[in-house]
Structures are given as structure tokens and as C-alpha cells.
C-alpha atoms as a PDB file:
ATOM      1  CA  MET A   1      14.503  12.049   4.752  1.00  0.00           C
ATOM      2  CA  ASP A   2      15.204   9.664   1.907  1.00  0.00           C
ATOM      3  CA  TYR A   3      11.627   8.542   1.326  1.00  0.00           C
ATOM      4  CA  LEU A   4      12.357   6.276  -1.631  1.00  0.00           C
ATOM      5  CA  SER A   5      14.916   4.280   0.316  1.00  0.00           C
ATOM      6  CA  ALA A   6      12.555   4.092   3.291  1.00  0.00           C
ATOM      7  CA  TYR A   7       9.678   2.787   1.156  1.00  0.00           C
ATOM      8  CA  LYS A   8      11.947   0.294  -0.593  1.00  0.00           C
ATOM      9  CA  SER A   9      13.278  -1.013   2.726  1.00  0.00           C
ATOM     10  CA  THR A  10       9.809  -1.666   4.097  1.00  0.00           C
ATOM     11  CA  ASP A  11       8.164  -5.078   4.323  1.00  0.00           C
ATOM     12  CA  TYR A  12       4.554  -5.005   3.168  1.00  0.00           C
ATOM     13  CA  ILE A  13       2.982  -7.872   5.086  1.00  0.00           C
ATOM     14  CA  LEU A  14      -0.247  -9.764   4.580  1.00  0.00           C
ATOM     15  CA  PHE A  15      -1.410 -12.266   7.203  1.00  0.00           C
ATOM     16  CA  GLU A  16      -4.658 -13.592   5.706  1.00  0.00           C
ATOM     17  CA  PRO A  17      -5.711 -15.477   3.667  1.00  0.00           C
ATOM     18  CA  GLU A  18      -2.052 -16.543   3.727  1.00  0.00           C
ATOM     19  CA  ALA A  19       1.100 -15.015   5.120  1.00  0.00           C
ATOM     20  CA  LEU A  20       3.254 -13.232   2.564  1.00  0.00           C
ATOM     21  CA  VAL A  21       5.678 -10.334   2.395  1.00  0.00           C
ATOM     22  CA  LEU A  22       5.811  -7.983  -0.576  1.00  0.00           C
ATOM     23  CA  THR A  23       9.060  -6.261  -1.460  1.00  0.00           C
ATOM     24  CA  VAL A  24       9.361  -3.364  -3.877  1.00  0.00           C
ATOM     25  CA  ASP A  25      10.832  -4.343  -7.271  1.00  0.00           C
ATOM     26  CA  GLN A  26      10.559  -8.067  -6.548  1.00  0.00           C
ATOM     27  CA  PHE A  27       8.203 -10.626  -8.025  1.00  0.00           C
ATOM     28  CA  SER A  28       6.193 -12.577  -5.436  1.00  0.00           C
ATOM     29  CA  PRO A  29       5.095 -16.098  -6.404  1.00  0.00           C
ATOM     30  CA  GLN A  30       2.772 -16.120  -3.361  1.00  0.00           C
ATOM     31  CA  MET A  31       1.121 -12.897  -4.534  1.00  0.00           C
ATOM     32  CA  GLU A  32       0.793 -14.322  -8.037  1.00  0.00           C
ATOM     33  CA  ASN A  33      -0.980 -17.371  -6.609  1.00  0.00           C
ATOM     34  CA  LEU A  34      -3.300 -15.154  -4.574  1.00  0.00           C
ATOM     35  CA  LEU A  35      -4.251 -13.145  -7.659  1.00  0.00           C
ATOM     36  CA  ILE A  36      -4.937 -16.350  -9.581  1.00  0.00           C
ATOM     37  CA  ARG A  37      -6.939 -17.868  -6.713  1.00  0.00           C
ATOM     38  CA  TYR A  38      -9.226 -14.819  -6.577  1.00  0.00           C
ATOM     39  CA  ASN A  39      -9.339 -14.446 -10.374  1.00  0.00           C
ATOM     40  CA  CYS A  40      -7.807 -10.956 -10.277  1.00  0.00           C
ATOM     41  CA  LYS A  41      -5.143  -9.403 -12.480  1.00  0.00           C
ATOM     42  CA  THR A  42      -4.192  -6.497 -10.232  1.00  0.00           C
ATOM     43  CA  ALA A  43      -3.835  -5.418  -6.644  1.00  0.00           C
ATOM     44  CA  ALA A  44      -2.732  -2.417  -4.617  1.00  0.00           C
ATOM     45  CA  PHE A  45      -1.300  -2.077  -1.121  1.00  0.00           C
ATOM     46  CA  LEU A  46      -2.792   1.073   0.394  1.00  0.00           C
ATOM     47  CA  THR A  47      -2.849   2.889   3.717  1.00  0.00           C
ATOM     48  CA  ALA A  48      -4.248   6.100   5.132  1.00  0.00           C
ATOM     49  CA  TRP A  49      -1.729   6.196   7.997  1.00  0.00           C
ATOM     50  CA  ASN A  50       0.770   9.023   8.490  1.00  0.00           C
ATOM     51  CA  PRO A  51      -0.274  11.413   5.691  1.00  0.00           C
ATOM     52  CA  LEU A  52       2.606  12.944   3.732  1.00  0.00           C
ATOM     53  CA  SER A  53       4.909  10.554   5.611  1.00  0.00           C
ATOM     54  CA  GLN A  54       4.569  12.616   8.781  1.00  0.00           C
ATOM     55  CA  ALA A  55       4.106  10.752  12.051  1.00  0.00           C
ATOM     56  CA  THR A  56       0.482  11.155  13.103  1.00  0.00           C
ATOM     57  CA  ASP A  57      -1.271  10.185  16.326  1.00  0.00           C
ATOM     58  CA  GLY A  58      -2.920   6.774  16.523  1.00  0.00           C
ATOM     59  CA  ARG A  59      -6.490   8.068  16.754  1.00  0.00           C
ATOM     60  CA  SER A  60      -6.151  10.185  13.602  1.00  0.00           C
ATOM     61  CA  ASN A  61      -4.552   7.263  11.786  1.00  0.00           C
ATOM     62  CA  GLN A  62      -7.361   4.918  12.843  1.00  0.00           C
ATOM     63  CA  LEU A  63     -10.061   7.350  11.714  1.00  0.00           C
ATOM     64  CA  ALA A  64      -8.404   7.873   8.343  1.00  0.00           C
ATOM     65  CA  GLN A  65      -7.978   4.119   7.897  1.00  0.00           C
ATOM     66  CA  GLN A  66     -11.680   3.579   8.671  1.00  0.00           C
ATOM     67  CA  LYS A  67     -12.604   6.133   6.005  1.00  0.00           C
ATOM     68  CA  LEU A  68     -10.328   4.393   3.507  1.00  0.00           C
ATOM     69  CA  ALA A  69     -11.988   1.078   4.388  1.00  0.00           C
ATOM     70  CA  ALA A  70     -15.406   2.619   3.698  1.00  0.00           C
ATOM     71  CA  ASP A  71     -14.188   3.933   0.335  1.00  0.00           C
ATOM     72  CA  LEU A  72     -12.843   0.498  -0.575  1.00  0.00           C
ATOM     73  CA  ASP A  73     -16.078  -1.182   0.515  1.00  0.00           C
ATOM     74  CA  SER A  74     -17.901   0.864  -2.123  1.00  0.00           C
ATOM     75  CA  LEU A  75     -15.772  -0.682  -4.884  1.00  0.00           C
ATOM     76  CA  ASP A  76     -16.051  -4.148  -6.405  1.00  0.00           C
ATOM     77  CA  VAL A  77     -12.788  -5.364  -4.845  1.00  0.00           C
ATOM     78  CA  ILE A  78     -11.482  -7.948  -2.394  1.00  0.00           C
ATOM     79  CA  ILE A  79      -9.824  -6.494   0.705  1.00  0.00           C
ATOM     80  CA  PHE A  80      -7.355  -8.029   3.145  1.00  0.00           C
ATOM     81  CA  ASP A  81      -5.698  -6.394   6.154  1.00  0.00           C
ATOM     82  CA  GLY A  82      -1.965  -5.881   6.068  1.00  0.00           C
ATOM     83  CA  ILE A  83       0.785  -3.800   7.602  1.00  0.00           C
ATOM     84  CA  GLY A  84       3.808  -1.954   6.276  1.00  0.00           C
ATOM     85  CA  LYS A  85       6.814  -2.289   8.593  1.00  0.00           C
ATOM     86  CA  ALA A  86      10.234  -0.709   8.225  1.00  0.00           C
ATOM     87  CA  ARG A  87      12.869  -3.444   8.271  1.00  0.00           C
ATOM     88  CA  ASP A  88      15.161  -1.349  10.482  1.00  0.00           C
ATOM     89  CA  GLY A  89      12.380  -0.559  12.977  1.00  0.00           C
ATOM     90  CA  ASP A  90      12.874   3.216  12.582  1.00  0.00           C
ATOM     91  CA  TRP A  91       9.227   3.781  11.641  1.00  0.00           C
ATOM     92  CA  PRO A  92       6.203   2.233  13.346  1.00  0.00           C
ATOM     93  CA  GLY A  93       4.127  -0.243  11.367  1.00  0.00           C
ATOM     94  CA  GLU A  94       1.285   1.222   9.343  1.00  0.00           C
ATOM     95  CA  GLU A  95      -2.023  -0.612   9.078  1.00  0.00           C
ATOM     96  CA  SER A  96      -2.759  -1.182   5.411  1.00  0.00           C
ATOM     97  CA  PHE A  97      -5.014  -2.988   2.970  1.00  0.00           C
ATOM     98  CA  LEU A  98      -4.164  -5.334   0.150  1.00  0.00           C
ATOM     99  CA  VAL A  99      -6.875  -4.637  -2.410  1.00  0.00           C
ATOM    100  CA  LEU A 100      -7.389  -7.243  -5.124  1.00  0.00           C
ATOM    101  CA  GLY A 101      -9.064  -6.299  -8.386  1.00  0.00           C
ATOM    102  CA  ILE A 102      -8.688  -2.535  -8.043  1.00  0.00           C
ATOM    103  CA  GLU A 103      -7.978  -0.360 -11.064  1.00  0.00           C
ATOM    104  CA  ARG A 104      -4.690   1.524 -11.020  1.00  0.00           C
ATOM    105  CA  ALA A 105      -6.392   4.917 -11.396  1.00  0.00           C
ATOM    106  CA  SER A 106      -8.722   4.169  -8.458  1.00  0.00           C
ATOM    107  CA  ALA A 107      -5.815   3.129  -6.253  1.00  0.00           C
ATOM    108  CA  ASP A 108      -3.913   6.289  -7.112  1.00  0.00           C
ATOM    109  CA  GLN A 109      -6.970   8.472  -6.468  1.00  0.00           C
ATOM    110  CA  LEU A 110      -7.387   6.914  -3.026  1.00  0.00           C
ATOM    111  CA  ALA A 111      -3.696   7.303  -2.197  1.00  0.00           C
ATOM    112  CA  VAL A 112      -3.920  10.979  -3.163  1.00  0.00           C
ATOM    113  CA  LYS A 113      -7.194  11.445  -1.259  1.00  0.00           C
ATOM    114  CA  TYR A 114      -5.514  10.146   1.906  1.00  0.00           C
ATOM    115  CA  ASN A 115      -2.380  12.259   1.327  1.00  0.00           C
ATOM    116  CA  GLN A 116       0.014   9.402   0.750  1.00  0.00           C
ATOM    117  CA  TYR A 117       3.359   9.870  -0.972  1.00  0.00           C
ATOM    118  CA  ALA A 118       3.427   6.317  -2.281  1.00  0.00           C
ATOM    119  CA  TRP A 119       1.598   3.015  -2.630  1.00  0.00           C
ATOM    120  CA  LEU A 120       2.240  -0.404  -4.155  1.00  0.00           C
ATOM    121  CA  TRP A 121       0.889  -1.676  -7.463  1.00  0.00           C
ATOM    122  CA  ILE A 122       0.870  -5.371  -8.303  1.00  0.00           C
ATOM    123  CA  GLU A 123       0.048  -6.905 -11.677  1.00  0.00           C
ATOM    124  CA  ARG A 124       0.181 -10.562 -12.545  1.00  0.00           C
ATOM    125  CA  ALA A 125       3.583 -11.762 -13.784  1.00  0.00           C
ATOM    126  CA  ASN A 126       5.292  -8.511 -12.714  1.00  0.00           C
ATOM    127  CA  PRO A 127       7.397  -7.332  -9.786  1.00  0.00           C
ATOM    128  CA  VAL A 128       5.832  -5.176  -7.085  1.00  0.00           C
ATOM    129  CA  GLU A 129       5.902  -1.545  -8.209  1.00  0.00           C
ATOM    130  CA  LEU A 130       6.338   1.463  -5.934  1.00  0.00           C
ATOM    131  CA  VAL A 131       4.080   4.237  -7.254  1.00  0.00           C
ATOM    132  CA  MET A 132       4.771   7.805  -6.186  1.00  0.00           C
ATOM    133  CA  THR A 133       1.742  10.097  -5.982  1.00  0.00           C
ATOM    134  CA  ARG A 134       1.503  13.703  -7.063  1.00  0.00           C
ATOM    135  CA  HIS A 135       1.915  14.679  -3.390  1.00  0.00           C
ATOM    136  CA  PHE A 136       5.446  13.295  -3.471  1.00  0.00           C
ATOM    137  CA  ILE A 137       6.200  14.798  -6.884  1.00  0.00           C
ATOM    138  CA  ASN A 138       4.855  18.201  -5.798  1.00  0.00           C
ATOM    139  CA  SER A 139       6.782  18.093  -2.520  1.00  0.00           C
ATOM    140  CA  GLY A 140       9.972  18.917  -4.368  1.00  0.00           C
ATOM    141  CA  SER A 141      11.717  15.990  -2.753  1.00  0.00           C
ATOM    142  CA  ASP A 142      14.300  14.508  -5.086  1.00  0.00           C
ATOM    143  CA  GLN A 143      14.763  11.420  -2.971  1.00  0.00           C
END
């Protein structure tokens, strides 16, 4: 599977506090405004669904997502629910969190803890960045 292409052709959707769609490698004025409104410089889009990009049953995904939520609750961050949806519909939507004010290292540690290949990093005045975790790098996948 070409994971990079799949991640780049996914819409990362936030419904509240306002509807917006994040796209890898694109700047989002709506996201910029959200960061400013909440006085944050950074954000991450994280999920615990489908570890190592392998389809996983709904119950396991829900339990992992609840554990991620608990981990995020222990940080001094602002959390909104989101979903990552493949534009072509080939992969089911994954419940996710947009986390404002998180440090990059913390976001990466959580992505690794929940066995994710990738996550999104957002900094003010910059395009959305796709970050590959060590799980992806160690998988030997060159895609």
C-alpha cells in the first residue's frame, strides 16, 4: 500500500468549534484563525484508530481512542473531536482529535504510543505537515 499517498489524499475534518478541513502540505486560514483565537502556536491531529494502518475492529479502536483521550486530558491542551476520511472512500473514517497547544515531541510520543505511522503537525503561518513516526520508518516501507 502506498501509505504516503493515502495520508495525503485524506481530509482531516474538524466540526467544532467551526467546520474546517485540513489538507497535507496546504496552509489553512481557518486553522490559523483557530490557533489565534485560542492563543496557541501549534496543534496536532492525532488518532489511535487502526494501529500500523491495519484495519482494526470498532471496539478496539474505541478503547484505544478513549485511552488517547485520557492521555491528552492530562496535558495542558485544548482538544476538539475530528475525523480523518479518505477522499476516495477506500478507507473508513478514523475518529481523531485536533489538539491545540501541544508540543511536537509530545504529539510524536503519543502517535508512537498508539502505533500510528503518521500524524499531522500544524504551526502558525505554515502549511499542514505530515509527520511520519518511527513505526513507519522502521517498517521498511519506502512509500
